């Protein structure tokens, strides 16, 4: 599997993601500038990543302007053909703005930027320690959409305690139903607020991020 990483003005996790994929997962990586359009080097077995950080126009609403970049038009077409797309943090926000994923990311409930390690769990109910760093990470959707996500098993990660218990006290930003990450119905587009690429090195004392890539089938 080959990976493309889209670089927006202001991105600050693009090289973190590149390091995680190249040096820890041994993957081929192509950096994609947001003003370019060409994704012909990728097949639908490959994956395009929208990294975390910030993108131009975030002062209006996170991801609202980046969604209209030339590369994003190609990413949308790639996803609609069945290609895999992963959005992390700001990338998740852009995927929602692009309507590749339902819902929105709102300002954190405490109205403050949060940067710390949290615990999340997926379908296997095992907690993983993954860092977050966001000011607008509170996932919100209508009750109808939330029920649809539950019904179709589209919620890939929820905030939890170290022992995998899900309570409001483990929810760092006030996200609906402790949602930390979702996927689309087709299962090829993934979005999450926590940063798995920041938890892949023994030097940092945490490699739980590698398990995220494995669980999403991107290892």
Protein backbone atom coordinates (compact mmCIF):
# COMPACT_ATOMS: atom_id res chain seq x y z
CA UNK A 1 0.00 0.00 0.00
CA UNK A 2 1.31 3.41 -1.04
CA UNK A 3 0.41 6.59 0.84
CA UNK A 4 -0.07 10.17 -0.26
CA UNK A 5 0.04 12.99 2.31
CA UNK A 6 -1.68 16.24 1.40
CA UNK A 7 0.22 19.35 2.51
CA UNK A 8 -1.74 22.54 3.17
CA UNK A 9 -0.28 25.93 4.14
CA UNK A 10 -0.06 25.68 7.92
CA UNK A 11 0.09 21.89 8.14
CA UNK A 12 2.32 20.95 11.06
CA UNK A 13 1.84 17.19 11.28
CA UNK A 14 2.56 16.28 7.66
CA UNK A 15 6.16 15.29 8.42
CA UNK A 16 5.11 13.48 11.60
CA UNK A 17 2.79 11.38 9.43
CA UNK A 18 5.51 10.91 6.83
CA UNK A 19 7.94 9.69 9.50
CA UNK A 20 5.36 7.30 10.97
CA UNK A 21 4.52 5.78 7.60
CA UNK A 22 8.02 5.68 6.10
CA UNK A 23 10.20 4.86 9.06
CA UNK A 24 7.90 2.89 11.34
CA UNK A 25 5.53 1.19 8.90
CA UNK A 26 8.03 0.98 6.02
CA UNK A 27 5.61 2.45 3.47
CA UNK A 28 6.21 4.38 0.28
CA UNK A 29 5.03 7.97 0.75
CA UNK A 30 4.32 10.74 -1.78
CA UNK A 31 3.82 14.30 -0.53
CA UNK A 32 0.95 16.08 -2.32
CA UNK A 33 0.78 19.89 -2.47
CA UNK A 34 -2.73 21.24 -2.01
CA UNK A 35 -2.68 23.24 -5.26
CA UNK A 36 -1.84 20.19 -7.37
CA UNK A 37 -4.46 17.79 -8.71
CA UNK A 38 -2.66 14.66 -9.86
CA UNK A 39 -3.36 11.47 -7.90
CA UNK A 40 -2.93 9.15 -10.89
CA UNK A 41 -0.02 7.40 -9.14
CA UNK A 42 -2.45 5.90 -6.61
CA UNK A 43 -4.72 2.90 -7.08
CA UNK A 44 -7.82 2.26 -4.96
CA UNK A 45 -5.68 -0.11 -2.87
CA UNK A 46 -3.62 2.90 -1.74
CA UNK A 47 -4.40 5.58 0.83
CA UNK A 48 -4.36 9.38 0.84
CA UNK A 49 -3.90 11.07 4.22
CA UNK A 50 -5.08 14.51 5.30
CA UNK A 51 -2.72 15.26 8.21
CA UNK A 52 -3.33 17.19 11.39
CA UNK A 53 -2.24 20.70 12.21
CA UNK A 54 -3.90 23.70 10.65
CA UNK A 55 -4.91 24.70 7.15
CA UNK A 56 -5.39 28.08 5.53
CA UNK A 57 -8.77 29.65 6.28
CA UNK A 58 -9.21 27.92 9.65
CA UNK A 59 -10.03 31.29 11.20
CA UNK A 60 -13.40 31.05 9.40
CA UNK A 61 -14.11 27.44 10.39
CA UNK A 62 -11.63 24.58 10.53
CA UNK A 63 -11.26 23.00 7.10
CA UNK A 64 -13.86 25.27 5.48
CA UNK A 65 -11.46 26.77 2.91
CA UNK A 66 -9.07 23.82 2.56
CA UNK A 67 -12.03 21.76 1.41
CA UNK A 68 -12.03 23.77 -1.86
CA UNK A 69 -8.34 23.26 -2.72
CA UNK A 70 -7.62 21.62 -6.10
CA UNK A 71 -6.12 18.53 -4.45
CA UNK A 72 -9.24 18.01 -2.36
CA UNK A 73 -11.36 17.77 -5.48
CA UNK A 74 -9.10 14.91 -6.60
CA UNK A 75 -9.24 13.33 -3.12
CA UNK A 76 -13.04 13.41 -3.17
CA UNK A 77 -13.07 11.70 -6.58
CA UNK A 78 -10.49 9.17 -5.34
CA UNK A 79 -12.64 8.35 -2.31
CA UNK A 80 -15.77 8.04 -4.43
CA UNK A 81 -13.94 5.46 -6.58
CA UNK A 82 -13.25 3.42 -3.44
CA UNK A 83 -9.75 4.67 -2.60
CA UNK A 84 -8.83 4.80 1.09
CA UNK A 85 -8.67 8.21 2.77
CA UNK A 86 -7.58 8.96 6.34
CA UNK A 87 -8.09 12.34 7.98
CA UNK A 88 -6.44 13.10 11.32
CA UNK A 89 -7.43 16.11 13.45
CA UNK A 90 -7.62 19.00 10.95
CA UNK A 91 -7.85 16.32 8.27
CA UNK A 92 -10.97 14.96 9.98
CA UNK A 93 -12.44 18.44 9.96
CA UNK A 94 -11.74 18.76 6.22
CA UNK A 95 -13.39 15.38 5.52
CA UNK A 96 -16.54 16.56 7.30
CA UNK A 97 -16.48 19.89 5.45
CA UNK A 98 -16.10 17.90 2.20
CA UNK A 99 -19.10 15.75 3.19
CA UNK A 100 -17.02 12.62 2.80
CA UNK A 101 -17.95 12.02 6.45
CA UNK A 102 -21.14 13.11 8.25
CA UNK A 103 -21.30 15.55 11.14
CA UNK A 104 -19.11 18.49 12.16
CA UNK A 105 -16.28 19.28 14.58
CA UNK A 106 -17.15 22.11 16.96
CA UNK A 107 -15.18 24.10 19.51
CA UNK A 108 -14.22 22.05 22.55
CA UNK A 109 -16.80 22.16 25.33
CA UNK A 110 -14.36 23.96 27.65
CA UNK A 111 -13.58 26.46 24.84
CA UNK A 112 -9.85 25.83 25.29
CA UNK A 113 -7.15 24.17 23.23
CA UNK A 114 -6.38 20.71 24.62
CA UNK A 115 -3.04 18.95 24.18
CA UNK A 116 -2.55 15.73 26.14
CA UNK A 117 -2.61 11.94 26.01
CA UNK A 118 -6.05 10.34 26.08
CA UNK A 119 -7.38 6.81 25.84
CA UNK A 120 -9.58 5.56 23.03
CA UNK A 121 -11.10 2.20 22.22
CA UNK A 122 -12.34 0.55 19.07
CA UNK A 123 -14.49 -2.49 18.43
CA UNK A 124 -12.12 -4.77 20.35
CA UNK A 125 -12.81 -2.78 23.54
CA UNK A 126 -9.06 -2.47 24.28
CA UNK A 127 -7.85 1.00 25.29
CA UNK A 128 -5.07 2.70 23.36
CA UNK A 129 -3.16 5.77 24.54
CA UNK A 130 -3.08 8.35 21.76
CA UNK A 131 -2.30 12.10 21.94
CA UNK A 132 -4.78 14.82 21.05
CA UNK A 133 -4.06 18.46 20.19
CA UNK A 134 -7.08 20.49 19.11
CA UNK A 135 -9.32 23.41 19.88
CA UNK A 136 -12.23 22.33 17.68
CA UNK A 137 -12.50 18.59 18.18
CA UNK A 138 -15.99 18.15 19.61
CA UNK A 139 -17.78 15.80 17.23
CA UNK A 140 -21.42 16.73 16.75
CA UNK A 141 -24.21 15.32 14.60
CA UNK A 142 -27.99 15.10 14.70
CA UNK A 143 -29.61 12.26 16.61
CA UNK A 144 -30.63 10.76 13.27
CA UNK A 145 -27.03 10.69 12.02
CA UNK A 146 -25.75 9.38 15.35
CA UNK A 147 -28.24 6.50 15.25
CA UNK A 148 -27.18 5.75 11.68
CA UNK A 149 -23.52 5.68 12.73
CA UNK A 150 -24.36 3.27 15.55
CA UNK A 151 -26.50 1.06 13.33
CA UNK A 152 -23.83 0.74 10.63
CA UNK A 153 -20.89 0.34 13.04
CA UNK A 154 -19.33 3.52 11.65
CA UNK A 155 -17.96 4.72 14.99
CA UNK A 156 -14.37 3.48 14.92
CA UNK A 157 -13.09 5.05 18.16
CA UNK A 158 -14.55 6.46 21.37
CA UNK A 159 -12.83 8.26 24.23
CA UNK A 160 -12.52 6.02 27.28
CA UNK A 161 -10.59 5.48 30.50
CA UNK A 162 -7.36 3.49 30.73
CA UNK A 163 -9.40 0.41 31.64
CA UNK A 164 -11.66 0.97 28.57
CA UNK A 165 -14.64 2.31 30.53
CA UNK A 166 -16.62 5.00 28.70
CA UNK A 167 -17.74 7.89 30.89
CA UNK A 168 -18.21 11.63 30.43
CA UNK A 169 -15.07 12.20 32.51
CA UNK A 170 -12.98 10.49 29.80
CA UNK A 171 -14.43 12.73 27.10
CA UNK A 172 -11.87 15.55 26.67
CA UNK A 173 -13.88 17.82 24.37
CA UNK A 174 -17.57 17.04 24.91
CA UNK A 175 -17.99 14.99 21.73
CA UNK A 176 -21.37 13.35 21.19
CA UNK A 177 -21.35 9.79 22.55
CA UNK A 178 -17.60 10.07 23.26
CA UNK A 179 -16.89 9.83 19.53
CA UNK A 180 -13.20 10.16 18.66
CA UNK A 181 -13.35 8.78 15.12
CA UNK A 182 -15.77 7.55 12.45
CA UNK A 183 -15.78 6.01 8.98
CA UNK A 184 -18.12 6.27 6.02
CA UNK A 185 -20.71 3.60 5.18
CA UNK A 186 -18.50 2.09 2.51
CA UNK A 187 -15.62 1.67 4.96
CA UNK A 188 -12.91 3.40 2.93
CA UNK A 189 -12.88 6.91 4.48
CA UNK A 190 -11.73 7.32 8.09
CA UNK A 191 -11.57 10.40 10.30
CA UNK A 192 -10.28 10.77 13.85
CA UNK A 193 -9.22 13.60 16.15
CA UNK A 194 -6.42 11.78 18.09
CA UNK A 195 -2.97 11.62 16.45
CA UNK A 196 -1.79 8.01 15.93
CA UNK A 197 1.30 9.25 14.07
CA UNK A 198 2.54 10.77 17.34
CA UNK A 199 2.51 7.40 19.09
CA UNK A 200 4.66 5.12 16.95
CA UNK A 201 8.12 5.35 18.50
CA UNK A 202 9.63 3.46 21.44
CA UNK A 203 11.75 6.58 22.01
CA UNK A 204 8.55 8.38 22.99
CA UNK A 205 7.44 5.50 25.18
CA UNK A 206 4.28 4.80 23.19
CA UNK A 207 3.63 2.69 20.09
CA UNK A 208 -0.16 2.39 20.41
CA UNK A 209 -0.49 4.45 17.24
CA UNK A 210 0.82 1.50 15.23
CA UNK A 211 -2.18 -0.50 16.44
CA UNK A 212 -4.48 2.21 15.05
CA UNK A 213 -3.01 1.84 11.57
CA UNK A 214 -3.33 -1.93 11.91
CA UNK A 215 -6.95 -1.78 13.06
CA UNK A 216 -7.86 0.49 10.15
CA UNK A 217 -6.20 -1.89 7.70
CA UNK A 218 -3.53 0.67 6.80
CA UNK A 219 -0.45 -1.16 8.08
